[in-house]
Each structure stands twice: as C-alpha cells, then as structure tokens.
Amino acid sequence: MKDTFYDVKLRKKVEAEVVEKVTYGEPGKERYALRGKTDDGRNLTKFVKKADWDALSI
C-alpha cells in the first residue's frame, strides 16, 4: 500500500510504500505512526490518528 509522506531531505511530499505500523510513547500516551521506505532505501515516518491506524491492515 502506498501513502503520502513528507521527505525532509527532499523538502517535499512523496509517495512511498508503507512498510509497517508502529506506536511510540508510554502506555496511555501512545502516538500512532506509519513507516515507509523510499526508492533509495531511506526511512520515512508519518504520524496518524488512531482511527486511521486501526483501519489499515498491513
């Protein structure tokens, strides 16, 4: 599945393949994110709402 990420190095939005769903933070204060990978192998992270995170099946 592809999604739009902001690439800091290129300073623009790019389409990249979503690799995994991850959570950050301690219990009760979690943040939900999608991890992507560019064509040249760099990692990208996009924070999303919990409802969006739950709706994805990766």
PDB file of N, CA and C in Angstrom:
ATOM      1  N   MET A   1       0.839  -1.174   0.000  1.00  0.00           N
ATOM      2  CA  MET A   1       0.000   0.000   0.000  1.00  0.00           C
ATOM      3  C   MET A   1       0.887   1.241   0.000  1.00  0.00           C
ATOM      4  N   LYS A   2       0.530   2.215  -0.794  1.00  0.00           N
ATOM      5  CA  LYS A   2       1.294   3.462  -0.854  1.00  0.00           C
ATOM      6  C   LYS A   2       0.554   4.550  -0.087  1.00  0.00           C
ATOM      7  N   ASP A   3       1.329   5.502   0.439  1.00  0.00           N
ATOM      8  CA  ASP A   3       0.767   6.636   1.153  1.00  0.00           C
ATOM      9  C   ASP A   3       1.676   7.836   0.926  1.00  0.00           C
ATOM     10  N   THR A   4       1.197   9.006   1.267  1.00  0.00           N
ATOM     11  CA  THR A   4       1.969  10.230   1.110  1.00  0.00           C
ATOM     12  C   THR A   4       2.731  10.532   2.390  1.00  0.00           C
ATOM     13  N   PHE A   5       4.025  10.741   2.273  1.00  0.00           N
ATOM     14  CA  PHE A   5       4.900  11.090   3.384  1.00  0.00           C
ATOM     15  C   PHE A   5       5.601  12.397   3.041  1.00  0.00           C
ATOM     16  N   TYR A   6       6.083  13.103   4.065  1.00  0.00           N
ATOM     17  CA  TYR A   6       6.899  14.282   3.841  1.00  0.00           C
ATOM     18  C   TYR A   6       8.354  13.867   3.937  1.00  0.00           C
ATOM     19  N   ASP A   7       9.103  14.061   2.875  1.00  0.00           N
ATOM     20  CA  ASP A   7      10.517  13.710   2.842  1.00  0.00           C
ATOM     21  C   ASP A   7      11.325  14.935   3.251  1.00  0.00           C
ATOM     22  N   VAL A   8      11.954  14.874   4.409  1.00  0.00           N
ATOM     23  CA  VAL A   8      12.701  16.007   4.955  1.00  0.00           C
ATOM     24  C   VAL A   8      13.901  16.329   4.087  1.00  0.00           C
ATOM     25  N   LYS A   9      14.572  15.320   3.581  1.00  0.00           N
ATOM     26  CA  LYS A   9      15.767  15.540   2.772  1.00  0.00           C
ATOM     27  C   LYS A   9      15.427  16.268   1.469  1.00  0.00           C
ATOM     28  N   LEU A  10      14.335  15.866   0.832  1.00  0.00           N
ATOM     29  CA  LEU A  10      13.924  16.499  -0.426  1.00  0.00           C
ATOM     30  C   LEU A  10      13.052  17.725  -0.217  1.00  0.00           C
ATOM     31  N   ARG A  11      12.539  17.889   1.016  1.00  0.00           N
ATOM     32  CA  ARG A  11      11.654  19.003   1.371  1.00  0.00           C
ATOM     33  C   ARG A  11      10.395  19.062   0.515  1.00  0.00           C
ATOM     34  N   LYS A  12       9.788  17.897   0.310  1.00  0.00           N
ATOM     35  CA  LYS A  12       8.519  17.840  -0.414  1.00  0.00           C
ATOM     36  C   LYS A  12       7.800  16.548  -0.071  1.00  0.00           C
ATOM     37  N   LYS A  13       6.537  16.474  -0.437  1.00  0.00           N
ATOM     38  CA  LYS A  13       5.748  15.268  -0.201  1.00  0.00           C
ATOM     39  C   LYS A  13       6.054  14.256  -1.297  1.00  0.00           C
ATOM     40  N   VAL A  14       6.150  12.998  -0.877  1.00  0.00           N
ATOM     41  CA  VAL A  14       6.443  11.916  -1.814  1.00  0.00           C
ATOM     42  C   VAL A  14       5.513  10.748  -1.540  1.00  0.00           C
ATOM     43  N   GLU A  15       5.291   9.939  -2.556  1.00  0.00           N
ATOM     44  CA  GLU A  15       4.538   8.698  -2.418  1.00  0.00           C
ATOM     45  C   GLU A  15       5.542   7.595  -2.106  1.00  0.00           C
ATOM     46  N   ALA A  16       5.272   6.821  -1.056  1.00  0.00           N
ATOM     47  CA  ALA A  16       6.169   5.735  -0.684  1.00  0.00           C
ATOM     48  C   ALA A  16       5.360   4.546  -0.196  1.00  0.00           C
ATOM     49  N   GLU A  17       5.969   3.394  -0.271  1.00  0.00           N
ATOM     50  CA  GLU A  17       5.344   2.157   0.176  1.00  0.00           C
ATOM     51  C   GLU A  17       5.336   2.096   1.701  1.00  0.00           C
ATOM     52  N   VAL A  18       4.168   1.796   2.293  1.00  0.00           N
ATOM     53  CA  VAL A  18       4.058   1.642   3.747  1.00  0.00           C
ATOM     54  C   VAL A  18       4.612   0.274   4.116  1.00  0.00           C
ATOM     55  N   VAL A  19       5.554   0.257   5.052  1.00  0.00           N
ATOM     56  CA  VAL A  19       6.226  -0.972   5.439  1.00  0.00           C
ATOM     57  C   VAL A  19       5.606  -1.570   6.702  1.00  0.00           C
ATOM     58  N   GLU A  20       5.288  -0.723   7.699  1.00  0.00           N
ATOM     59  CA  GLU A  20       4.742  -1.237   8.954  1.00  0.00           C
ATOM     60  C   GLU A  20       3.980  -0.150   9.707  1.00  0.00           C
ATOM     61  N   LYS A  21       3.191  -0.609  10.699  1.00  0.00           N
ATOM     62  CA  LYS A  21       2.504   0.277  11.634  1.00  0.00           C
ATOM     63  C   LYS A  21       3.254   0.197  12.958  1.00  0.00           C
ATOM     64  N   VAL A  22       3.512   1.336  13.598  1.00  0.00           N
ATOM     65  CA  VAL A  22       4.238   1.340  14.866  1.00  0.00           C
ATOM     66  C   VAL A  22       3.570   2.297  15.841  1.00  0.00           C
ATOM     67  N   THR A  23       3.865   2.084  17.131  1.00  0.00           N
ATOM     68  CA  THR A  23       3.413   3.019  18.158  1.00  0.00           C
ATOM     69  C   THR A  23       4.634   3.532  18.899  1.00  0.00           C
ATOM     70  N   TYR A  24       4.550   4.774  19.332  1.00  0.00           N
ATOM     71  CA  TYR A  24       5.611   5.408  20.095  1.00  0.00           C
ATOM     72  C   TYR A  24       5.024   5.913  21.403  1.00  0.00           C
ATOM     73  N   GLY A  25       5.829   5.958  22.445  1.00  0.00           N
ATOM     74  CA  GLY A  25       5.396   6.512  23.713  1.00  0.00           C
ATOM     75  C   GLY A  25       5.051   5.454  24.735  1.00  0.00           C
ATOM     76  N   GLU A  26       4.738   5.942  25.919  1.00  0.00           N
ATOM     77  CA  GLU A  26       4.413   5.048  27.024  1.00  0.00           C
ATOM     78  C   GLU A  26       2.919   4.748  27.034  1.00  0.00           C
ATOM     79  N   PRO A  27       2.512   3.693  27.725  1.00  0.00           N
ATOM     80  CA  PRO A  27       1.077   3.355  27.782  1.00  0.00           C
ATOM     81  C   PRO A  27       0.235   4.530  28.291  1.00  0.00           C
ATOM     82  N   GLY A  28      -0.841   4.787  27.593  1.00  0.00           N
ATOM     83  CA  GLY A  28      -1.703   5.905  27.927  1.00  0.00           C
ATOM     84  C   GLY A  28      -1.369   7.172  27.153  1.00  0.00           C
ATOM     85  N   LYS A  29      -0.179   7.234  26.584  1.00  0.00           N
ATOM     86  CA  LYS A  29       0.253   8.403  25.807  1.00  0.00           C
ATOM     87  C   LYS A  29       0.851   7.969  24.463  1.00  0.00           C
ATOM     88  N   GLU A  30       0.279   6.919  23.882  1.00  0.00           N
ATOM     89  CA  GLU A  30       0.820   6.413  22.637  1.00  0.00           C
ATOM     90  C   GLU A  30       0.570   7.362  21.481  1.00  0.00           C
ATOM     91  N   ARG A  31       1.488   7.336  20.519  1.00  0.00           N
ATOM     92  CA  ARG A  31       1.334   8.020  19.246  1.00  0.00           C
ATOM     93  C   ARG A  31       1.417   6.949  18.172  1.00  0.00           C
ATOM     94  N   TYR A  32       0.601   7.060  17.161  1.00  0.00           N
ATOM     95  CA  TYR A  32       0.489   6.039  16.135  1.00  0.00           C
ATOM     96  C   TYR A  32       1.116   6.549  14.847  1.00  0.00           C
ATOM     97  N   ALA A  33       1.908   5.693  14.205  1.00  0.00           N
ATOM     98  CA  ALA A  33       2.640   6.128  13.021  1.00  0.00           C
ATOM     99  C   ALA A  33       2.697   5.026  11.978  1.00  0.00           C
ATOM    100  N   LEU A  34       2.939   5.457  10.753  1.00  0.00           N
ATOM    101  CA  LEU A  34       3.195   4.559   9.636  1.00  0.00           C
ATOM    102  C   LEU A  34       4.648   4.733   9.236  1.00  0.00           C
ATOM    103  N   ARG A  35       5.320   3.654   8.948  1.00  0.00           N
ATOM    104  CA  ARG A  35       6.709   3.704   8.496  1.00  0.00           C
ATOM    105  C   ARG A  35       6.721   3.379   7.017  1.00  0.00           C
ATOM    106  N   GLY A  36       7.461   4.165   6.261  1.00  0.00           N
ATOM    107  CA  GLY A  36       7.586   3.948   4.831  1.00  0.00           C
ATOM    108  C   GLY A  36       9.035   3.887   4.422  1.00  0.00           C
ATOM    109  N   LYS A  37       9.267   3.490   3.181  1.00  0.00           N
ATOM    110  CA  LYS A  37      10.620   3.394   2.670  1.00  0.00           C
ATOM    111  C   LYS A  37      10.644   3.978   1.265  1.00  0.00           C
ATOM    112  N   THR A  38      11.624   4.860   1.015  1.00  0.00           N
ATOM    113  CA  THR A  38      11.755   5.469  -0.301  1.00  0.00           C
ATOM    114  C   THR A  38      12.416   4.484  -1.264  1.00  0.00           C
ATOM    115  N   ASP A  39      12.465   4.866  -2.529  1.00  0.00           N
ATOM    116  CA  ASP A  39      13.079   4.008  -3.538  1.00  0.00           C
ATOM    117  C   ASP A  39      14.571   3.813  -3.287  1.00  0.00           C
ATOM    118  N   ASP A  40      15.217   4.826  -2.688  1.00  0.00           N
ATOM    119  CA  ASP A  40      16.655   4.706  -2.424  1.00  0.00           C
ATOM    120  C   ASP A  40      16.955   4.156  -1.032  1.00  0.00           C
ATOM    121  N   GLY A  41      15.928   3.667  -0.305  1.00  0.00           N
ATOM    122  CA  GLY A  41      16.147   2.959   0.949  1.00  0.00           C
ATOM    123  C   GLY A  41      16.062   3.772   2.223  1.00  0.00           C
ATOM    124  N   ARG A  42      15.728   5.054   2.142  1.00  0.00           N
ATOM    125  CA  ARG A  42      15.609   5.870   3.356  1.00  0.00           C
ATOM    126  C   ARG A  42      14.265   5.625   4.026  1.00  0.00           C
ATOM    127  N   ASN A  43      14.245   5.741   5.356  1.00  0.00           N
ATOM    128  CA  ASN A  43      13.018   5.532   6.128  1.00  0.00           C
ATOM    129  C   ASN A  43      12.246   6.835   6.266  1.00  0.00           C
ATOM    130  N   LEU A  44      10.921   6.713   6.234  1.00  0.00           N
ATOM    131  CA  LEU A  44      10.022   7.848   6.417  1.00  0.00           C
ATOM    132  C   LEU A  44       9.009   7.492   7.497  1.00  0.00           C
ATOM    133  N   THR A  45       8.580   8.484   8.260  1.00  0.00           N
ATOM    134  CA  THR A  45       7.579   8.275   9.307  1.00  0.00           C
ATOM    135  C   THR A  45       6.474   9.299   9.147  1.00  0.00           C
ATOM    136  N   LYS A  46       5.241   8.832   9.320  1.00  0.00           N
ATOM    137  CA  LYS A  46       4.073   9.708   9.247  1.00  0.00           C
ATOM    138  C   LYS A  46       3.180   9.383  10.432  1.00  0.00           C
ATOM    139  N   PHE A  47       2.909  10.366  11.284  1.00  0.00           N
ATOM    140  CA  PHE A  47       2.020  10.166  12.423  1.00  0.00           C
ATOM    141  C   PHE A  47       0.581  10.333  11.965  1.00  0.00           C
ATOM    142  N   VAL A  48      -0.280   9.414  12.429  1.00  0.00           N
ATOM    143  CA  VAL A  48      -1.680   9.402  12.020  1.00  0.00           C
ATOM    144  C   VAL A  48      -2.573   9.255  13.244  1.00  0.00           C
ATOM    145  N   LYS A  49      -3.873   9.467  13.043  1.00  0.00           N
ATOM    146  CA  LYS A  49      -4.852   9.285  14.115  1.00  0.00           C
ATOM    147  C   LYS A  49      -5.039   7.793  14.388  1.00  0.00           C
ATOM    148  N   LYS A  50      -5.457   7.482  15.603  1.00  0.00           N
ATOM    149  CA  LYS A  50      -5.647   6.081  15.992  1.00  0.00           C
ATOM    150  C   LYS A  50      -6.688   5.400  15.116  1.00  0.00           C
ATOM    151  N   ALA A  51      -7.744   6.103  14.762  1.00  0.00           N
ATOM    152  CA  ALA A  51      -8.789   5.517  13.917  1.00  0.00           C
ATOM    153  C   ALA A  51      -8.231   5.131  12.546  1.00  0.00           C
ATOM    154  N   ASP A  52      -7.394   5.977  11.986  1.00  0.00           N
ATOM    155  CA  ASP A  52      -6.761   5.669  10.691  1.00  0.00           C
ATOM    156  C   ASP A  52      -5.788   4.504  10.829  1.00  0.00           C
ATOM    157  N   TRP A  53      -5.052   4.490  11.939  1.00  0.00           N
ATOM    158  CA  TRP A  53      -4.075   3.435  12.215  1.00  0.00           C
ATOM    159  C   TRP A  53      -4.773   2.085  12.356  1.00  0.00           C
ATOM    160  N   ASP A  54      -5.914   2.072  13.062  1.00  0.00           N
ATOM    161  CA  ASP A  54      -6.681   0.839  13.247  1.00  0.00           C
ATOM    162  C   ASP A  54      -7.300   0.340  11.950  1.00  0.00           C
ATOM    163  N   ALA A  55      -7.662   1.258  11.064  1.00  0.00           N
ATOM    164  CA  ALA A  55      -8.336   0.880   9.821  1.00  0.00           C
ATOM    165  C   ALA A  55      -7.395   0.210   8.826  1.00  0.00           C
ATOM    166  N   LEU A  56      -6.110   0.446   8.942  1.00  0.00           N
ATOM    167  CA  LEU A  56      -5.154  -0.131   7.990  1.00  0.00           C
ATOM    168  C   LEU A  56      -4.807  -1.559   8.368  1.00  0.00           C
ATOM    169  N   SER A  57      -4.666  -2.397   7.369  1.00  0.00           N
ATOM    170  CA  SER A  57      -4.212  -3.767   7.597  1.00  0.00           C
ATOM    171  C   SER A  57      -2.920  -3.976   6.831  1.00  0.00           C
ATOM    172  N   ILE A  58      -1.834  -3.996   7.568  1.00  0.00           N
ATOM    173  CA  ILE A  58      -0.506  -4.146   6.945  1.00  0.00           C
ATOM    174  C   ILE A  58       0.165  -5.357   7.540  1.00  0.00           C
TER     175      ILE A  58
END
